[in-house]
């Protein structure tokens, strides 16, 4: 896609995010309404925001939507990927670490991103090949910023899913990072973790989520900020990848090396 077209799609995504932000703030603290599994639920606000995003994005562009709450198809050449509330448990309890995530994915790669954190007054945007903006102002690349105190965001730690990285290996990664003089942080929002990498607040982030709506928006932000971005095996990230490791080149390398060591040890047992 050409830059003009990408910027037009970014404008559409921001318009959708503007309406979603109002619903988000008005609905803060909403109780669980739909239980999807152990410790996983949606609120009525999740459902309302996803309906808003779907309507605006599809009516404005004709491109289908893949969302956390109402699903969709992943085989389309272009699709919007949305998470109406990333960090629903935080949102429901009034914790500000939660976000609206919108990305346009073309040929399995994100090319437009909006990560809106209404309660922190942060909106990060990017299009492929551009710099990241925070509330409309361009951010420096992470290799041009000061070190971020070795903080590493780690997300989706306790989810008991069918991932080949079980929860105990995820906890071992946190312990290993601590021993290597890093400072793991668990925010409860993958989108926030990757947005913090793009801003240089975190030096790296790890997501174990297999879901594209958790990862896609932040993947593009991190790439545009100059981070190395892979899946948890060190392969280039694409729609359908398991997890994300994103960070400054040297920190990414150290986190990936640690992750592979833990996986090798688990395979020997």
C-alpha atoms as a PDB file:
ATOM      1  CA  UNK A   1       0.000   0.000   0.000  1.00  0.00           C
ATOM      2  CA  UNK A   2       1.089   3.562  -0.691  1.00  0.00           C
ATOM      3  CA  UNK A   3       1.700   6.026   2.131  1.00  0.00           C
ATOM      4  CA  UNK A   4      -1.383   8.094   1.282  1.00  0.00           C
ATOM      5  CA  UNK A   5      -3.614   5.044   1.488  1.00  0.00           C
ATOM      6  CA  UNK A   6      -2.086   3.925   4.772  1.00  0.00           C
ATOM      7  CA  UNK A   7      -2.594   7.376   6.244  1.00  0.00           C
ATOM      8  CA  UNK A   8      -6.220   7.339   5.122  1.00  0.00           C
ATOM      9  CA  UNK A   9      -6.744   4.025   6.895  1.00  0.00           C
ATOM     10  CA  UNK A  10      -5.008   5.417   9.979  1.00  0.00           C
ATOM     11  CA  UNK A  11      -7.481   8.306   9.967  1.00  0.00           C
ATOM     12  CA  UNK A  12     -10.382   5.845   9.854  1.00  0.00           C
ATOM     13  CA  UNK A  13      -8.903   3.855  12.740  1.00  0.00           C
ATOM     14  CA  UNK A  14      -8.458   6.997  14.827  1.00  0.00           C
ATOM     15  CA  UNK A  15     -12.057   8.031  14.189  1.00  0.00           C
ATOM     16  CA  UNK A  16     -13.191   4.630  15.451  1.00  0.00           C
ATOM     17  CA  UNK A  17     -10.885   4.947  18.460  1.00  0.00           C
ATOM     18  CA  UNK A  18     -12.360   8.343  19.313  1.00  0.00           C
ATOM     19  CA  UNK A  19     -15.829   6.845  19.747  1.00  0.00           C
ATOM     20  CA  UNK A  20     -14.441   3.790  21.531  1.00  0.00           C
ATOM     21  CA  UNK A  21     -12.530   6.016  23.962  1.00  0.00           C
ATOM     22  CA  UNK A  22     -15.756   7.708  25.077  1.00  0.00           C
ATOM     23  CA  UNK A  23     -17.440   4.332  25.651  1.00  0.00           C
ATOM     24  CA  UNK A  24     -14.322   3.076  27.427  1.00  0.00           C
ATOM     25  CA  UNK A  25     -14.160   5.944  29.931  1.00  0.00           C
ATOM     26  CA  UNK A  26     -17.914   5.959  30.552  1.00  0.00           C
ATOM     27  CA  UNK A  27     -17.941   2.205  31.212  1.00  0.00           C
ATOM     28  CA  UNK A  28     -14.901   1.979  33.498  1.00  0.00           C
ATOM     29  CA  UNK A  29     -15.453  -0.536  36.287  1.00  0.00           C
ATOM     30  CA  UNK A  30     -18.050  -2.591  34.402  1.00  0.00           C
ATOM     31  CA  UNK A  31     -18.727  -6.001  35.914  1.00  0.00           C
ATOM     32  CA  UNK A  32     -18.118  -9.307  34.109  1.00  0.00           C
ATOM     33  CA  UNK A  33     -20.971 -10.163  31.758  1.00  0.00           C
ATOM     34  CA  UNK A  34     -19.640 -13.104  29.750  1.00  0.00           C
ATOM     35  CA  UNK A  35     -17.308 -15.781  31.121  1.00  0.00           C
ATOM     36  CA  UNK A  36     -15.076 -17.298  28.441  1.00  0.00           C
ATOM     37  CA  UNK A  37     -12.953 -19.591  30.605  1.00  0.00           C
ATOM     38  CA  UNK A  38     -11.043 -19.764  33.848  1.00  0.00           C
ATOM     39  CA  UNK A  39     -10.222 -16.188  34.928  1.00  0.00           C
ATOM     40  CA  UNK A  40     -11.242 -14.886  31.484  1.00  0.00           C
ATOM     41  CA  UNK A  41     -14.311 -12.753  30.945  1.00  0.00           C
ATOM     42  CA  UNK A  42     -15.774  -9.903  28.943  1.00  0.00           C
ATOM     43  CA  UNK A  43     -17.887  -6.981  30.104  1.00  0.00           C
ATOM     44  CA  UNK A  44     -20.810  -5.387  28.308  1.00  0.00           C
ATOM     45  CA  UNK A  45     -18.404  -2.566  27.435  1.00  0.00           C
ATOM     46  CA  UNK A  46     -16.083  -4.993  25.594  1.00  0.00           C
ATOM     47  CA  UNK A  47     -19.036  -6.055  23.464  1.00  0.00           C
ATOM     48  CA  UNK A  48     -20.255  -2.491  22.900  1.00  0.00           C
ATOM     49  CA  UNK A  49     -16.837  -1.214  21.859  1.00  0.00           C
ATOM     50  CA  UNK A  50     -16.213  -4.094  19.484  1.00  0.00           C
ATOM     51  CA  UNK A  51     -19.608  -3.452  17.865  1.00  0.00           C
ATOM     52  CA  UNK A  52     -18.639   0.212  17.444  1.00  0.00           C
ATOM     53  CA  UNK A  53     -15.267  -0.636  15.943  1.00  0.00           C
ATOM     54  CA  UNK A  54     -16.681  -3.212  13.561  1.00  0.00           C
ATOM     55  CA  UNK A  55     -19.390  -0.879  12.286  1.00  0.00           C
ATOM     56  CA  UNK A  56     -17.105   2.088  11.702  1.00  0.00           C
ATOM     57  CA  UNK A  57     -14.177   0.174  10.213  1.00  0.00           C
ATOM     58  CA  UNK A  58     -16.192  -1.979   7.828  1.00  0.00           C
ATOM     59  CA  UNK A  59     -18.553   0.797   6.704  1.00  0.00           C
ATOM     60  CA  UNK A  60     -15.635   3.167   6.073  1.00  0.00           C
ATOM     61  CA  UNK A  61     -13.318   0.747   4.287  1.00  0.00           C
ATOM     62  CA  UNK A  62     -15.161  -2.441   3.321  1.00  0.00           C
ATOM     63  CA  UNK A  63     -12.396  -4.446   5.019  1.00  0.00           C
ATOM     64  CA  UNK A  64     -13.532  -7.269   7.361  1.00  0.00           C
ATOM     65  CA  UNK A  65     -12.781  -7.333  11.074  1.00  0.00           C
ATOM     66  CA  UNK A  66     -11.234  -9.991  13.301  1.00  0.00           C
ATOM     67  CA  UNK A  67     -12.017  -9.253  16.941  1.00  0.00           C
ATOM     68  CA  UNK A  68     -11.554 -10.870  20.316  1.00  0.00           C
ATOM     69  CA  UNK A  69     -15.223 -11.027  21.217  1.00  0.00           C
ATOM     70  CA  UNK A  70     -16.962 -11.779  17.920  1.00  0.00           C
ATOM     71  CA  UNK A  71     -14.249 -13.530  15.950  1.00  0.00           C
ATOM     72  CA  UNK A  72     -13.801 -13.366  12.190  1.00  0.00           C
ATOM     73  CA  UNK A  73     -11.723 -14.981   9.459  1.00  0.00           C
ATOM     74  CA  UNK A  74      -7.934 -14.844   9.217  1.00  0.00           C
ATOM     75  CA  UNK A  75      -7.592 -15.863   5.557  1.00  0.00           C
ATOM     76  CA  UNK A  76      -8.425 -12.447   4.071  1.00  0.00           C
ATOM     77  CA  UNK A  77      -5.569 -10.600   2.374  1.00  0.00           C
ATOM     78  CA  UNK A  78      -6.474  -7.495   4.421  1.00  0.00           C
ATOM     79  CA  UNK A  79      -8.353  -7.324   7.699  1.00  0.00           C
ATOM     80  CA  UNK A  80      -8.786  -5.122  10.721  1.00  0.00           C
ATOM     81  CA  UNK A  81      -7.729  -6.778  13.971  1.00  0.00           C
ATOM     82  CA  UNK A  82      -9.257  -5.312  17.129  1.00  0.00           C
ATOM     83  CA  UNK A  83      -9.189  -5.857  20.861  1.00  0.00           C
ATOM     84  CA  UNK A  84     -11.949  -3.666  22.319  1.00  0.00           C
ATOM     85  CA  UNK A  85     -10.446  -3.764  25.811  1.00  0.00           C
ATOM     86  CA  UNK A  86      -6.984  -5.229  26.215  1.00  0.00           C
ATOM     87  CA  UNK A  87      -6.702  -5.862  29.950  1.00  0.00           C
ATOM     88  CA  UNK A  88     -10.382  -6.415  30.719  1.00  0.00           C
ATOM     89  CA  UNK A  89      -9.710  -7.544  34.293  1.00  0.00           C
ATOM     90  CA  UNK A  90      -7.812  -4.300  34.894  1.00  0.00           C
ATOM     91  CA  UNK A  91     -10.625  -2.277  33.302  1.00  0.00           C
ATOM     92  CA  UNK A  92     -13.273  -3.979  35.401  1.00  0.00           C
ATOM     93  CA  UNK A  93     -11.404  -3.192  38.621  1.00  0.00           C
ATOM     94  CA  UNK A  94     -10.534   0.405  37.686  1.00  0.00           C
ATOM     95  CA  UNK A  95      -6.857  -0.320  37.018  1.00  0.00           C
ATOM     96  CA  UNK A  96      -5.686   2.145  34.306  1.00  0.00           C
ATOM     97  CA  UNK A  97      -3.458  -0.417  32.559  1.00  0.00           C
ATOM     98  CA  UNK A  98      -5.892  -1.234  29.747  1.00  0.00           C
ATOM     99  CA  UNK A  99      -6.198  -0.263  26.107  1.00  0.00           C
ATOM    100  CA  UNK A 100      -8.148  -0.276  22.866  1.00  0.00           C
ATOM    101  CA  UNK A 101      -6.093  -1.960  20.133  1.00  0.00           C
ATOM    102  CA  UNK A 102      -6.753  -1.490  16.408  1.00  0.00           C
ATOM    103  CA  UNK A 103      -4.532  -2.648  13.556  1.00  0.00           C
ATOM    104  CA  UNK A 104      -4.838  -3.147   9.832  1.00  0.00           C
ATOM    105  CA  UNK A 105      -3.129  -6.369   8.766  1.00  0.00           C
ATOM    106  CA  UNK A 106      -2.216  -6.971   5.117  1.00  0.00           C
ATOM    107  CA  UNK A 107      -0.701 -10.272   3.976  1.00  0.00           C
ATOM    108  CA  UNK A 108      -0.271 -11.338   7.626  1.00  0.00           C
ATOM    109  CA  UNK A 109       1.638  -8.190   8.647  1.00  0.00           C
ATOM    110  CA  UNK A 110       0.358  -5.105  10.518  1.00  0.00           C
ATOM    111  CA  UNK A 111       0.622  -1.925   8.457  1.00  0.00           C
ATOM    112  CA  UNK A 112      -1.528   0.490  10.508  1.00  0.00           C
ATOM    113  CA  UNK A 113      -1.691   0.669  14.298  1.00  0.00           C
ATOM    114  CA  UNK A 114      -3.651   2.554  16.938  1.00  0.00           C
ATOM    115  CA  UNK A 115      -3.031   1.696  20.583  1.00  0.00           C
ATOM    116  CA  UNK A 116      -5.191   3.912  22.765  1.00  0.00           C
ATOM    117  CA  UNK A 117      -4.712   3.967  26.554  1.00  0.00           C
ATOM    118  CA  UNK A 118      -7.495   6.362  27.595  1.00  0.00           C
ATOM    119  CA  UNK A 119      -6.879   6.258  31.352  1.00  0.00           C
ATOM    120  CA  UNK A 120      -3.189   7.084  30.858  1.00  0.00           C
ATOM    121  CA  UNK A 121      -3.970   9.730  28.217  1.00  0.00           C
ATOM    122  CA  UNK A 122      -1.736   7.977  25.696  1.00  0.00           C
ATOM    123  CA  UNK A 123      -2.562   7.273  22.081  1.00  0.00           C
ATOM    124  CA  UNK A 124       0.211   5.729  20.005  1.00  0.00           C
ATOM    125  CA  UNK A 125      -0.130   5.411  16.249  1.00  0.00           C
ATOM    126  CA  UNK A 126       2.006   4.244  13.357  1.00  0.00           C
ATOM    127  CA  UNK A 127       1.863   3.233   9.731  1.00  0.00           C
ATOM    128  CA  UNK A 128       4.378   0.929   8.088  1.00  0.00           C
ATOM    129  CA  UNK A 129       7.608   2.768   7.356  1.00  0.00           C
ATOM    130  CA  UNK A 130       6.845   5.724   9.628  1.00  0.00           C
ATOM    131  CA  UNK A 131       7.869   6.822  13.082  1.00  0.00           C
ATOM    132  CA  UNK A 132       5.607   6.234  16.081  1.00  0.00           C
ATOM    133  CA  UNK A 133       3.500   9.122  17.309  1.00  0.00           C
ATOM    134  CA  UNK A 134       2.340   9.727  20.874  1.00  0.00           C
ATOM    135  CA  UNK A 135      -0.711  12.007  21.088  1.00  0.00           C
ATOM    136  CA  UNK A 136       0.173  13.321  17.637  1.00  0.00           C
ATOM    137  CA  UNK A 137       3.886  14.011  18.238  1.00  0.00           C
ATOM    138  CA  UNK A 138       6.598  11.862  16.666  1.00  0.00           C
ATOM    139  CA  UNK A 139       8.678   9.825  19.099  1.00  0.00           C
ATOM    140  CA  UNK A 140      12.429   9.247  18.760  1.00  0.00           C
ATOM    141  CA  UNK A 141      13.552   5.753  17.883  1.00  0.00           C
ATOM    142  CA  UNK A 142      14.387   3.655  20.895  1.00  0.00           C
ATOM    143  CA  UNK A 143      18.069   3.496  19.909  1.00  0.00           C
ATOM    144  CA  UNK A 144      18.151   7.300  20.259  1.00  0.00           C
ATOM    145  CA  UNK A 145      16.758   7.308  23.812  1.00  0.00           C
ATOM    146  CA  UNK A 146      18.357   6.722  27.201  1.00  0.00           C
ATOM    147  CA  UNK A 147      18.309   3.189  28.719  1.00  0.00           C
ATOM    148  CA  UNK A 148      15.055   2.315  30.464  1.00  0.00           C
ATOM    149  CA  UNK A 149      16.351   0.801  33.716  1.00  0.00           C
ATOM    150  CA  UNK A 150      16.273  -2.750  32.286  1.00  0.00           C
ATOM    151  CA  UNK A 151      12.489  -3.081  32.646  1.00  0.00           C
ATOM    152  CA  UNK A 152      10.893  -5.924  30.656  1.00  0.00           C
ATOM    153  CA  UNK A 153       7.127  -6.302  30.347  1.00  0.00           C
ATOM    154  CA  UNK A 154       5.906  -9.899  30.518  1.00  0.00           C
ATOM    155  CA  UNK A 155       2.344 -10.676  29.484  1.00  0.00           C
ATOM    156  CA  UNK A 156      -0.061 -13.614  29.455  1.00  0.00           C
ATOM    157  CA  UNK A 157       1.936 -15.330  32.172  1.00  0.00           C
ATOM    158  CA  UNK A 158      -0.691 -17.415  33.955  1.00  0.00           C
ATOM    159  CA  UNK A 159      -3.045 -18.354  31.143  1.00  0.00           C
ATOM    160  CA  UNK A 160      -3.554 -22.103  31.185  1.00  0.00           C
ATOM    161  CA  UNK A 161      -3.921 -22.708  27.458  1.00  0.00           C
ATOM    162  CA  UNK A 162      -2.537 -25.273  25.013  1.00  0.00           C
ATOM    163  CA  UNK A 163       0.599 -23.257  24.299  1.00  0.00           C
ATOM    164  CA  UNK A 164       3.835 -25.203  24.022  1.00  0.00           C
ATOM    165  CA  UNK A 165       5.253 -22.793  26.598  1.00  0.00           C
ATOM    166  CA  UNK A 166       3.417 -23.834  29.779  1.00  0.00           C
ATOM    167  CA  UNK A 167       2.873 -21.428  32.681  1.00  0.00           C
ATOM    168  CA  UNK A 168       5.751 -22.859  34.733  1.00  0.00           C
ATOM    169  CA  UNK A 169       8.221 -22.080  31.903  1.00  0.00           C
ATOM    170  CA  UNK A 170       6.871 -18.531  31.750  1.00  0.00           C
ATOM    171  CA  UNK A 171       7.484 -18.127  35.459  1.00  0.00           C
ATOM    172  CA  UNK A 172      10.998 -19.516  35.003  1.00  0.00           C
ATOM    173  CA  UNK A 173      11.636 -16.813  32.406  1.00  0.00           C
ATOM    174  CA  UNK A 174      10.666 -14.130  34.918  1.00  0.00           C
ATOM    175  CA  UNK A 175      13.025 -15.610  37.500  1.00  0.00           C
ATOM    176  CA  UNK A 176      15.849 -15.891  34.955  1.00  0.00           C
ATOM    177  CA  UNK A 177      15.390 -12.282  33.890  1.00  0.00           C
ATOM    178  CA  UNK A 178      15.590 -11.213  37.523  1.00  0.00           C
ATOM    179  CA  UNK A 179      18.839 -13.146  37.939  1.00  0.00           C
ATOM    180  CA  UNK A 180      20.262 -11.463  34.835  1.00  0.00           C
ATOM    181  CA  UNK A 181      19.722  -8.039  36.409  1.00  0.00           C
ATOM    182  CA  UNK A 182      16.579  -7.166  34.475  1.00  0.00           C
ATOM    183  CA  UNK A 183      13.333  -5.977  36.048  1.00  0.00           C
ATOM    184  CA  UNK A 184      10.289  -7.947  34.846  1.00  0.00           C
ATOM    185  CA  UNK A 185       6.968  -6.111  35.029  1.00  0.00           C
ATOM    186  CA  UNK A 186       3.481  -7.629  34.718  1.00  0.00           C
ATOM    187  CA  UNK A 187       0.957  -4.984  33.696  1.00  0.00           C
ATOM    188  CA  UNK A 188      -1.921  -7.211  32.635  1.00  0.00           C
ATOM    189  CA  UNK A 189      -2.023  -5.660  29.148  1.00  0.00           C
ATOM    190  CA  UNK A 190       0.094  -6.871  26.230  1.00  0.00           C
ATOM    191  CA  UNK A 191      -0.819  -3.748  24.282  1.00  0.00           C
ATOM    192  CA  UNK A 192       0.504  -1.527  27.050  1.00  0.00           C
ATOM    193  CA  UNK A 193       3.726  -3.557  27.308  1.00  0.00           C
ATOM    194  CA  UNK A 194       4.489  -3.185  23.599  1.00  0.00           C
ATOM    195  CA  UNK A 195       3.491   0.494  23.632  1.00  0.00           C
ATOM    196  CA  UNK A 196       5.949   1.023  26.480  1.00  0.00           C
ATOM    197  CA  UNK A 197       8.693  -0.603  24.363  1.00  0.00           C
ATOM    198  CA  UNK A 198       7.890   1.824  21.536  1.00  0.00           C
ATOM    199  CA  UNK A 199       8.250   4.732  23.968  1.00  0.00           C
ATOM    200  CA  UNK A 200      11.486   3.488  25.543  1.00  0.00           C
ATOM    201  CA  UNK A 201       9.821   2.987  28.932  1.00  0.00           C
ATOM    202  CA  UNK A 202      10.493  -0.749  28.720  1.00  0.00           C
ATOM    203  CA  UNK A 203      13.611  -2.079  27.037  1.00  0.00           C
ATOM    204  CA  UNK A 204      11.746  -5.206  25.963  1.00  0.00           C
ATOM    205  CA  UNK A 205       8.441  -7.004  26.229  1.00  0.00           C
ATOM    206  CA  UNK A 206       7.427 -10.651  26.014  1.00  0.00           C
ATOM    207  CA  UNK A 207       3.915 -11.798  25.139  1.00  0.00           C
ATOM    208  CA  UNK A 208       2.954 -15.453  25.312  1.00  0.00           C
ATOM    209  CA  UNK A 209      -0.442 -14.794  23.762  1.00  0.00           C
ATOM    210  CA  UNK A 210      -1.291 -16.752  20.597  1.00  0.00           C
ATOM    211  CA  UNK A 211      -4.020 -14.246  19.721  1.00  0.00           C
ATOM    212  CA  UNK A 212      -3.421 -11.653  16.975  1.00  0.00           C
ATOM    213  CA  UNK A 213      -5.673  -9.049  18.635  1.00  0.00           C
ATOM    214  CA  UNK A 214      -3.314  -8.968  21.631  1.00  0.00           C
ATOM    215  CA  UNK A 215      -0.148  -8.618  19.574  1.00  0.00           C
ATOM    216  CA  UNK A 216      -0.630  -7.067  16.132  1.00  0.00           C
ATOM    217  CA  UNK A 217      -0.991  -3.388  17.024  1.00  0.00           C
ATOM    218  CA  UNK A 218       1.996  -3.396  19.375  1.00  0.00           C
ATOM    219  CA  UNK A 219       4.146  -5.355  16.921  1.00  0.00           C
ATOM    220  CA  UNK A 220       3.932  -2.523  14.394  1.00  0.00           C
ATOM    221  CA  UNK A 221       4.568   0.144  17.039  1.00  0.00           C
ATOM    222  CA  UNK A 222       7.680  -1.672  18.240  1.00  0.00           C
ATOM    223  CA  UNK A 223       8.974  -2.199  14.696  1.00  0.00           C
ATOM    224  CA  UNK A 224       8.453   1.446  13.755  1.00  0.00           C
ATOM    225  CA  UNK A 225      10.259   2.474  16.946  1.00  0.00           C
ATOM    226  CA  UNK A 226      13.343   0.487  15.916  1.00  0.00           C
ATOM    227  CA  UNK A 227      12.873  -2.611  18.067  1.00  0.00           C
ATOM    228  CA  UNK A 228      13.696  -6.140  16.961  1.00  0.00           C
ATOM    229  CA  UNK A 229      10.401  -8.059  16.864  1.00  0.00           C
ATOM    230  CA  UNK A 230      10.026 -11.839  16.601  1.00  0.00           C
ATOM    231  CA  UNK A 231       7.812 -14.604  17.888  1.00  0.00           C
ATOM    232  CA  UNK A 232       8.959 -16.461  20.999  1.00  0.00           C
ATOM    233  CA  UNK A 233      11.107 -18.803  18.861  1.00  0.00           C
ATOM    234  CA  UNK A 234      12.990 -15.931  17.262  1.00  0.00           C
ATOM    235  CA  UNK A 235      11.201 -16.225  13.917  1.00  0.00           C
ATOM    236  CA  UNK A 236       9.781 -13.143  12.152  1.00  0.00           C
ATOM    237  CA  UNK A 237       6.367 -12.279  13.566  1.00  0.00           C
ATOM    238  CA  UNK A 238       3.277 -12.750  11.386  1.00  0.00           C
ATOM    239  CA  UNK A 239      -0.434 -13.197  11.929  1.00  0.00           C
ATOM    240  CA  UNK A 240      -0.839 -16.536  13.704  1.00  0.00           C
ATOM    241  CA  UNK A 241       2.555 -16.467  15.416  1.00  0.00           C
ATOM    242  CA  UNK A 242       2.800 -17.655  19.004  1.00  0.00           C
ATOM    243  CA  UNK A 243       3.718 -14.720  21.197  1.00  0.00           C
ATOM    244  CA  UNK A 244       6.073 -11.805  20.713  1.00  0.00           C
ATOM    245  CA  UNK A 245       9.522 -10.792  21.879  1.00  0.00           C
ATOM    246  CA  UNK A 246      10.214  -7.128  21.139  1.00  0.00           C
ATOM    247  CA  UNK A 247      13.016  -4.895  22.291  1.00  0.00           C
ATOM    248  CA  UNK A 248      16.247  -3.102  21.657  1.00  0.00           C
ATOM    249  CA  UNK A 249      18.578  -5.443  19.707  1.00  0.00           C
ATOM    250  CA  UNK A 250      20.879  -6.448  22.569  1.00  0.00           C
ATOM    251  CA  UNK A 251      18.048  -6.889  25.066  1.00  0.00           C
ATOM    252  CA  UNK A 252      15.945  -8.833  22.554  1.00  0.00           C
ATOM    253  CA  UNK A 253      18.883 -11.155  21.980  1.00  0.00           C
ATOM    254  CA  UNK A 254      19.326 -11.767  25.703  1.00  0.00           C
ATOM    255  CA  UNK A 255      15.631 -12.411  26.321  1.00  0.00           C
ATOM    256  CA  UNK A 256      15.408 -14.780  23.349  1.00  0.00           C
ATOM    257  CA  UNK A 257      18.539 -16.648  24.448  1.00  0.00           C
ATOM    258  CA  UNK A 258      17.069 -17.067  27.930  1.00  0.00           C
ATOM    259  CA  UNK A 259      13.747 -18.251  26.510  1.00  0.00           C
ATOM    260  CA  UNK A 260      15.429 -20.863  24.321  1.00  0.00           C
ATOM    261  CA  UNK A 261      17.482 -22.121  27.259  1.00  0.00           C
ATOM    262  CA  UNK A 262      14.328 -22.639  29.329  1.00  0.00           C
ATOM    263  CA  UNK A 263      12.621 -24.456  26.464  1.00  0.00           C
ATOM    264  CA  UNK A 264      15.640 -26.720  25.969  1.00  0.00           C
ATOM    265  CA  UNK A 265      15.677 -27.576  29.678  1.00  0.00           C
ATOM    266  CA  UNK A 266      11.951 -28.320  29.600  1.00  0.00           C
ATOM    267  CA  UNK A 267      12.464 -30.630  26.596  1.00  0.00           C
ATOM    268  CA  UNK A 268      15.029 -32.720  28.472  1.00  0.00           C
ATOM    269  CA  UNK A 269      12.592 -33.596  31.261  1.00  0.00           C
END
